[in-house]
Amino acid sequence: MVRTRVLFGAVLIVVVVGLVALDAWLTQQILPDWPWLSGSVIGIGCDFLLLGALLTGVVALLVGWGVVEMGRLCRAAGHQPAVRWACLASVVLIILPWLTITPVLGNRSPLAEWQVTGQWLAVSLVVSAVLILMRGEPKGAMVNMALTGWMIVYIGFLGSFFSRIRIDLGGPLGAWAVLYAVSVVKFTDIGAYFTGVSIGRHKVVPSVSPNKTLEGFVGGLVTAIVIAVAFSHLGGIIVPLGRGMSHGPWLSTGRAVVFGLTIGVVGQIGDLIESLIKRDAQIKDSGTLVPTFGGVLDIIDSPLLAAPLAWWLLTGWLG
């Protein structure tokens, strides 16, 4: 099982790095280099389609898939939320930050985008309640309304902060910043897993996740710090930083340590939250997409909770 996990983990890493590299490369392409598009309707569209559209689309796909899997968990626990609406509302939340740099929203400011996001969240919750009302079934209505809203906020809104990292930092830096944040979170999981398997003795919350240990938790934090510091130095080499910054560490060692520590803690809490949900539904994995890893929700559970903090730390320190 460990060998299979390592194999599929390596494949996932290659795929993710490839997507980020492609997105960063597309950002650097200048439209006049394509004379057959310049000045045309297609060319005008391509100008902003190159700016983060690929990663935004990937995040939207993962979030939509995650909502569907969460709906499966809810049904297994005896609930019937409005899954299709939650999926649509969540995907829109992912796309909204990207739309701020397109003609669709008139190149609005980040503040205006936040206003649009707040309005869409309000509309999403109202529509969720109306859809449950239209079923005409009072039993379980409160739970179903609450779960629909929960899916939109937990998966859609939290996931949208990866789009915000991509768009707010912009250029190749925004693409690699997403990879930086995701890498710290997922390597935390890897460090926690192998430490727990090797020397784990003291259970953290056995009623929620029997395999999670205190030793694994500490091992995950150590791994998060090491990866945050190492990748910060690597980032200064492979990313054309711009913004008045010379080549060198992307974040200072001290800031990278703080980033790794905080993201490592929050990421592992996110993993426990999904474990709690699966325990309630009495299902081991949210899906079967990736052997030994489970479904999409099993993969994005820790990044979801860490995304807002990662956005705040990265945009705050680099802004």
Protein backbone atom coordinates (compact mmCIF):
# COMPACT_ATOMS: atom_id res chain seq x y z
CA MET A 1 0.00 0.00 0.00
CA VAL A 2 2.82 2.42 0.85
CA ARG A 3 4.49 1.73 -2.51
CA THR A 4 1.24 2.38 -4.37
CA ARG A 5 0.66 5.55 -2.38
CA VAL A 6 4.15 6.82 -3.21
CA LEU A 7 3.68 5.99 -6.90
CA PHE A 8 0.36 7.77 -7.29
CA GLY A 9 1.60 10.61 -5.10
CA ALA A 10 4.54 11.12 -7.45
CA VAL A 11 2.22 11.15 -10.45
CA LEU A 12 -0.01 13.76 -8.80
CA ILE A 13 3.01 15.94 -8.03
CA VAL A 14 4.18 15.82 -11.65
CA VAL A 15 0.70 16.70 -12.92
CA VAL A 16 0.28 19.62 -10.50
CA VAL A 17 3.74 21.03 -11.19
CA GLY A 18 3.14 20.69 -14.94
CA LEU A 19 -0.16 22.58 -14.75
CA VAL A 20 1.38 25.38 -12.68
CA ALA A 21 4.38 25.64 -15.03
CA LEU A 22 2.05 25.83 -18.04
CA ASP A 23 -0.10 28.48 -16.38
CA ALA A 24 2.99 30.53 -15.48
CA TRP A 25 4.31 30.19 -19.03
CA LEU A 26 1.01 31.30 -20.55
CA THR A 27 1.09 34.40 -18.36
CA GLN A 28 4.39 35.42 -19.93
CA GLN A 29 3.15 35.09 -23.51
CA ILE A 30 2.55 38.48 -25.12
CA LEU A 31 -0.28 38.69 -27.63
CA PRO A 32 1.65 40.62 -30.33
CA ASP A 33 3.87 37.54 -30.68
CA TRP A 34 0.82 35.95 -32.30
CA PRO A 35 0.18 38.34 -35.24
CA TRP A 36 -2.66 36.27 -36.65
CA LEU A 37 -4.60 36.93 -33.42
CA SER A 38 -3.60 40.50 -32.70
CA GLY A 39 -6.45 42.95 -33.15
CA SER A 40 -9.04 40.25 -33.77
CA VAL A 41 -11.99 39.39 -31.56
CA ILE A 42 -10.24 36.14 -30.62
CA GLY A 43 -7.08 38.06 -29.82
CA ILE A 44 -8.87 40.44 -27.47
CA GLY A 45 -10.31 37.44 -25.63
CA CYS A 46 -7.01 35.59 -25.46
CA ASP A 47 -5.35 38.57 -23.80
CA PHE A 48 -7.02 37.85 -20.46
CA LEU A 49 -7.54 34.14 -21.02
CA LEU A 50 -3.78 33.78 -20.59
CA LEU A 51 -3.87 35.39 -17.15
CA GLY A 52 -4.61 32.58 -14.72
CA ALA A 53 -7.48 30.98 -16.63
CA LEU A 54 -5.88 27.52 -16.58
CA LEU A 55 -5.35 27.30 -12.82
CA THR A 56 -8.69 28.94 -12.14
CA GLY A 57 -10.38 26.31 -14.30
CA VAL A 58 -8.55 23.47 -12.57
CA VAL A 59 -9.51 24.77 -9.12
CA ALA A 60 -13.13 25.18 -10.27
CA LEU A 61 -13.17 21.58 -11.53
CA LEU A 62 -11.75 20.21 -8.26
CA VAL A 63 -14.14 22.28 -6.16
CA GLY A 64 -17.18 21.20 -8.20
CA TRP A 65 -16.12 17.58 -7.93
CA GLY A 66 -15.53 18.02 -4.20
CA VAL A 67 -19.05 19.37 -3.71
CA VAL A 68 -20.50 16.34 -5.50
CA GLU A 69 -18.52 14.05 -3.20
CA MET A 70 -19.65 16.01 -0.15
CA GLY A 71 -23.22 15.53 -1.33
CA ARG A 72 -22.56 11.78 -1.40
CA LEU A 73 -21.37 11.90 2.20
CA CYS A 74 -24.45 13.89 3.22
CA ARG A 75 -26.79 11.39 1.56
CA ALA A 76 -24.98 8.53 3.29
CA ALA A 77 -25.71 10.28 6.60
CA GLY A 78 -29.41 10.53 5.69
CA HIS A 79 -29.54 14.15 4.47
CA GLN A 80 -30.63 15.64 1.14
CA PRO A 81 -28.97 19.01 0.48
CA ALA A 82 -29.32 20.80 -2.87
CA VAL A 83 -26.08 19.41 -4.29
CA ARG A 84 -26.41 20.66 -7.86
CA TRP A 85 -27.02 24.21 -6.76
CA ALA A 86 -24.18 24.03 -4.24
CA CYS A 87 -21.89 22.82 -7.03
CA LEU A 88 -22.86 25.69 -9.35
CA ALA A 89 -22.64 28.33 -6.62
CA SER A 90 -19.22 27.05 -5.53
CA VAL A 91 -17.79 27.04 -9.05
CA VAL A 92 -18.96 30.64 -9.54
CA LEU A 93 -17.16 31.63 -6.33
CA ILE A 94 -13.94 30.19 -7.76
CA ILE A 95 -14.29 32.08 -11.02
CA LEU A 96 -15.25 35.48 -9.59
CA PRO A 97 -11.70 36.58 -8.62
CA TRP A 98 -10.51 35.81 -12.14
CA LEU A 99 -13.41 37.70 -13.68
CA THR A 100 -12.11 40.91 -12.05
CA ILE A 101 -9.27 41.02 -14.61
CA THR A 102 -11.57 40.40 -17.59
CA PRO A 103 -13.92 42.68 -19.51
CA VAL A 104 -16.82 40.70 -18.00
CA LEU A 105 -16.70 42.67 -14.73
CA GLY A 106 -15.16 45.72 -16.32
CA ASN A 107 -11.70 45.21 -14.77
CA ARG A 108 -13.03 46.03 -11.33
CA SER A 109 -10.89 46.64 -8.28
CA PRO A 110 -10.30 43.91 -5.65
CA LEU A 111 -12.70 45.73 -3.31
CA ALA A 112 -15.43 45.63 -5.94
CA GLU A 113 -14.75 41.93 -6.44
CA TRP A 114 -15.23 41.32 -2.71
CA GLN A 115 -18.56 43.11 -2.93
CA VAL A 116 -19.62 40.90 -5.83
CA THR A 117 -18.49 37.83 -3.89
CA GLY A 118 -20.52 38.87 -0.85
CA GLN A 119 -23.58 39.48 -2.98
CA TRP A 120 -23.21 36.10 -4.67
CA LEU A 121 -22.85 34.36 -1.30
CA ALA A 122 -26.05 36.01 -0.08
CA VAL A 123 -27.90 35.02 -3.25
CA SER A 124 -26.56 31.47 -2.99
CA LEU A 125 -27.86 31.03 0.55
CA VAL A 126 -31.27 32.48 -0.30
CA VAL A 127 -31.60 30.23 -3.36
CA SER A 128 -30.54 27.25 -1.24
CA ALA A 129 -33.40 27.91 1.16
CA VAL A 130 -35.89 28.42 -1.68
CA LEU A 131 -34.88 25.15 -3.36
CA ILE A 132 -35.41 23.22 -0.13
CA LEU A 133 -38.74 25.03 0.36
CA MET A 134 -39.91 24.01 -3.10
CA ARG A 135 -39.57 20.35 -2.17
CA GLY A 136 -42.55 20.79 0.14
CA GLU A 137 -41.07 18.46 2.75
CA PRO A 138 -40.67 20.01 6.24
CA LYS A 139 -38.82 17.04 7.71
CA GLY A 140 -35.07 17.66 7.67
CA ALA A 141 -35.51 21.02 5.94
CA MET A 142 -33.33 22.94 8.41
CA VAL A 143 -30.50 20.42 8.15
CA ASN A 144 -30.67 20.34 4.34
CA MET A 145 -30.63 24.14 4.07
CA ALA A 146 -27.72 24.35 6.50
CA LEU A 147 -25.76 21.64 4.67
CA THR A 148 -26.28 23.29 1.28
CA GLY A 149 -24.95 26.57 2.65
CA TRP A 150 -22.12 24.74 4.40
CA MET A 151 -20.95 23.12 1.18
CA ILE A 152 -20.97 26.46 -0.63
CA VAL A 153 -18.93 28.18 2.08
CA TYR A 154 -16.65 25.30 3.08
CA ILE A 155 -15.71 24.14 -0.40
CA GLY A 156 -16.57 27.03 -2.71
CA PHE A 157 -15.71 30.11 -0.66
CA LEU A 158 -12.63 28.65 1.05
CA GLY A 159 -11.43 27.19 -2.24
CA SER A 160 -11.79 30.59 -3.92
CA PHE A 161 -8.80 31.85 -1.96
CA PHE A 162 -6.53 29.84 -4.24
CA SER A 163 -7.98 31.83 -7.14
CA ARG A 164 -7.33 34.99 -5.14
CA ILE A 165 -3.69 34.04 -4.58
CA ARG A 166 -3.32 33.44 -8.32
CA ILE A 167 -4.98 36.70 -9.36
CA ASP A 168 -3.90 39.05 -6.56
CA LEU A 169 -0.19 38.24 -6.91
CA GLY A 170 -0.51 38.00 -10.68
CA GLY A 171 1.89 36.90 -13.39
CA PRO A 172 4.11 33.84 -13.00
CA LEU A 173 4.49 34.67 -9.30
CA GLY A 174 0.78 34.10 -8.72
CA ALA A 175 0.92 30.66 -10.34
CA TRP A 176 3.95 29.54 -8.35
CA ALA A 177 2.49 31.00 -5.15
CA VAL A 178 -0.46 28.64 -5.50
CA LEU A 179 1.98 25.74 -5.90
CA TYR A 180 3.96 26.96 -2.88
CA ALA A 181 0.88 27.03 -0.63
CA VAL A 182 -0.45 23.67 -1.84
CA SER A 183 2.99 22.05 -1.54
CA VAL A 184 3.42 23.12 2.08
CA VAL A 185 -0.03 21.75 2.97
CA LYS A 186 0.29 18.45 1.15
CA PHE A 187 3.86 17.77 2.27
CA THR A 188 2.56 18.32 5.79
CA ASP A 189 0.18 15.41 5.17
CA ILE A 190 3.04 13.32 3.78
CA GLY A 191 5.30 14.07 6.75
CA ALA A 192 2.50 13.34 9.21
CA TYR A 193 1.66 10.06 7.47
CA PHE A 194 5.16 8.61 7.37
CA THR A 195 6.04 9.83 10.87
CA GLY A 196 2.84 8.35 12.23
CA VAL A 197 3.45 5.03 10.47
CA SER A 198 7.04 4.89 11.72
CA ILE A 199 6.88 6.07 15.34
CA GLY A 200 3.27 7.05 16.01
CA ARG A 201 2.09 5.95 19.46
CA HIS A 202 -0.17 8.58 21.03
CA LYS A 203 -3.55 9.02 19.36
CA VAL A 204 -4.79 12.58 18.84
CA VAL A 205 -8.54 12.09 18.32
CA PRO A 206 -9.08 8.31 18.06
CA SER A 207 -12.87 8.62 17.86
CA VAL A 208 -12.52 10.77 14.73
CA SER A 209 -9.36 9.46 13.06
CA PRO A 210 -7.82 6.38 14.71
CA ASN A 211 -4.59 6.61 12.70
CA LYS A 212 -3.74 10.23 13.56
CA THR A 213 -1.04 10.46 16.22
CA LEU A 214 0.69 13.23 18.13
CA GLU A 215 4.01 12.10 16.70
CA GLY A 216 2.57 12.31 13.21
CA PHE A 217 1.20 15.78 13.92
CA VAL A 218 4.63 17.01 15.04
CA GLY A 219 6.30 15.28 12.09
CA GLY A 220 3.90 17.05 9.75
CA LEU A 221 4.77 20.44 11.25
CA VAL A 222 8.49 19.80 10.92
CA THR A 223 8.00 18.77 7.30
CA ALA A 224 5.89 21.88 6.63
CA ILE A 225 8.61 24.18 7.96
CA VAL A 226 11.36 22.43 5.99
CA ILE A 227 9.36 22.54 2.76
CA ALA A 228 8.33 26.18 3.29
CA VAL A 229 11.94 27.29 3.78
CA ALA A 230 13.37 25.10 1.00
CA PHE A 231 10.72 26.04 -1.56
CA SER A 232 11.05 29.71 -0.66
CA HIS A 233 14.71 29.60 -1.68
CA LEU A 234 13.85 27.57 -4.77
CA GLY A 235 11.13 30.04 -5.69
CA GLY A 236 13.60 32.86 -5.84
CA ILE A 237 15.47 30.93 -8.51
CA ILE A 238 12.72 29.68 -10.80
CA VAL A 239 10.20 32.52 -10.53
CA PRO A 240 10.74 35.91 -12.18
CA LEU A 241 9.60 37.74 -9.09
CA GLY A 242 9.46 41.32 -10.31
CA ARG A 243 7.71 43.73 -7.93
CA GLY A 244 11.11 45.29 -7.14
CA MET A 245 12.48 42.03 -5.72
CA SER A 246 15.85 40.63 -6.70
CA HIS A 247 16.64 36.96 -7.13
CA GLY A 248 17.06 35.15 -3.84
CA PRO A 249 14.69 33.66 -1.25
CA TRP A 250 11.08 34.39 -2.12
CA LEU A 251 10.25 34.77 1.58
CA SER A 252 12.84 35.34 4.26
CA THR A 253 13.71 32.27 6.32
CA GLY A 254 11.83 33.62 9.33
CA ARG A 255 8.68 34.31 7.36
CA ALA A 256 8.88 30.94 5.63
CA VAL A 257 9.12 29.24 9.05
CA VAL A 258 6.03 31.10 10.27
CA PHE A 259 4.20 30.25 7.04
CA GLY A 260 5.07 26.56 7.29
CA LEU A 261 4.14 26.34 10.96
CA THR A 262 0.76 28.05 10.68
CA ILE A 263 -0.24 26.37 7.43
CA GLY A 264 0.90 23.01 8.81
CA VAL A 265 -1.34 23.36 11.87
CA VAL A 266 -4.41 24.58 9.96
CA GLY A 267 -3.94 22.00 7.20
CA GLN A 268 -3.95 19.11 9.64
CA ILE A 269 -7.05 20.49 11.35
CA GLY A 270 -8.70 20.56 7.93
CA ASP A 271 -7.86 16.90 7.45
CA LEU A 272 -9.45 16.07 10.82
CA ILE A 273 -12.61 18.00 9.92
CA GLU A 274 -13.15 15.90 6.82
CA SER A 275 -12.43 12.76 8.86
CA LEU A 276 -15.18 13.84 11.25
CA ILE A 277 -17.61 14.25 8.35
CA LYS A 278 -16.72 10.84 6.90
CA ARG A 279 -17.03 9.24 10.34
CA ASP A 280 -20.55 10.67 10.65
CA ALA A 281 -21.43 9.31 7.21
CA GLN A 282 -19.66 5.99 8.04
CA ILE A 283 -17.68 6.12 4.80
CA LYS A 284 -13.92 5.61 4.62
CA ASP A 285 -13.19 7.73 1.53
CA SER A 286 -15.17 10.48 -0.19
CA GLY A 287 -14.54 8.80 -3.55
CA THR A 288 -12.36 6.38 -5.50
CA LEU A 289 -10.69 8.69 -8.02
CA VAL A 290 -7.09 8.08 -6.91
CA PRO A 291 -6.10 4.66 -5.52
CA THR A 292 -4.99 4.76 -1.83
CA PHE A 293 -5.83 8.48 -1.66
CA GLY A 294 -9.60 8.32 -2.16
CA GLY A 295 -11.63 11.04 -3.82
CA VAL A 296 -11.04 14.67 -4.67
CA LEU A 297 -12.35 15.81 -1.29
CA ASP A 298 -9.83 13.54 0.43
CA ILE A 299 -7.07 15.37 -1.45
CA ILE A 300 -8.28 18.96 -1.07
CA ASP A 301 -9.57 18.73 2.52
CA SER A 302 -6.46 20.21 4.15
CA PRO A 303 -5.76 22.84 1.43
CA LEU A 304 -9.35 24.12 1.72
CA LEU A 305 -9.01 25.18 5.34
CA ALA A 306 -5.49 26.52 4.81
CA ALA A 307 -6.34 28.57 1.69
CA PRO A 308 -7.65 31.76 3.40
CA LEU A 309 -4.67 31.87 5.76
CA ALA A 310 -2.23 31.24 2.91
CA TRP A 311 -3.82 34.06 0.89
CA TRP A 312 -3.62 36.47 3.82
CA LEU A 313 -0.01 35.60 4.62
CA LEU A 314 1.27 35.66 1.04
CA THR A 315 -0.56 38.74 -0.21
CA GLY A 316 0.05 40.58 3.05
CA TRP A 317 3.79 39.97 3.04
CA LEU A 318 4.26 40.52 -0.66
CA GLY A 319 1.79 43.34 -1.18
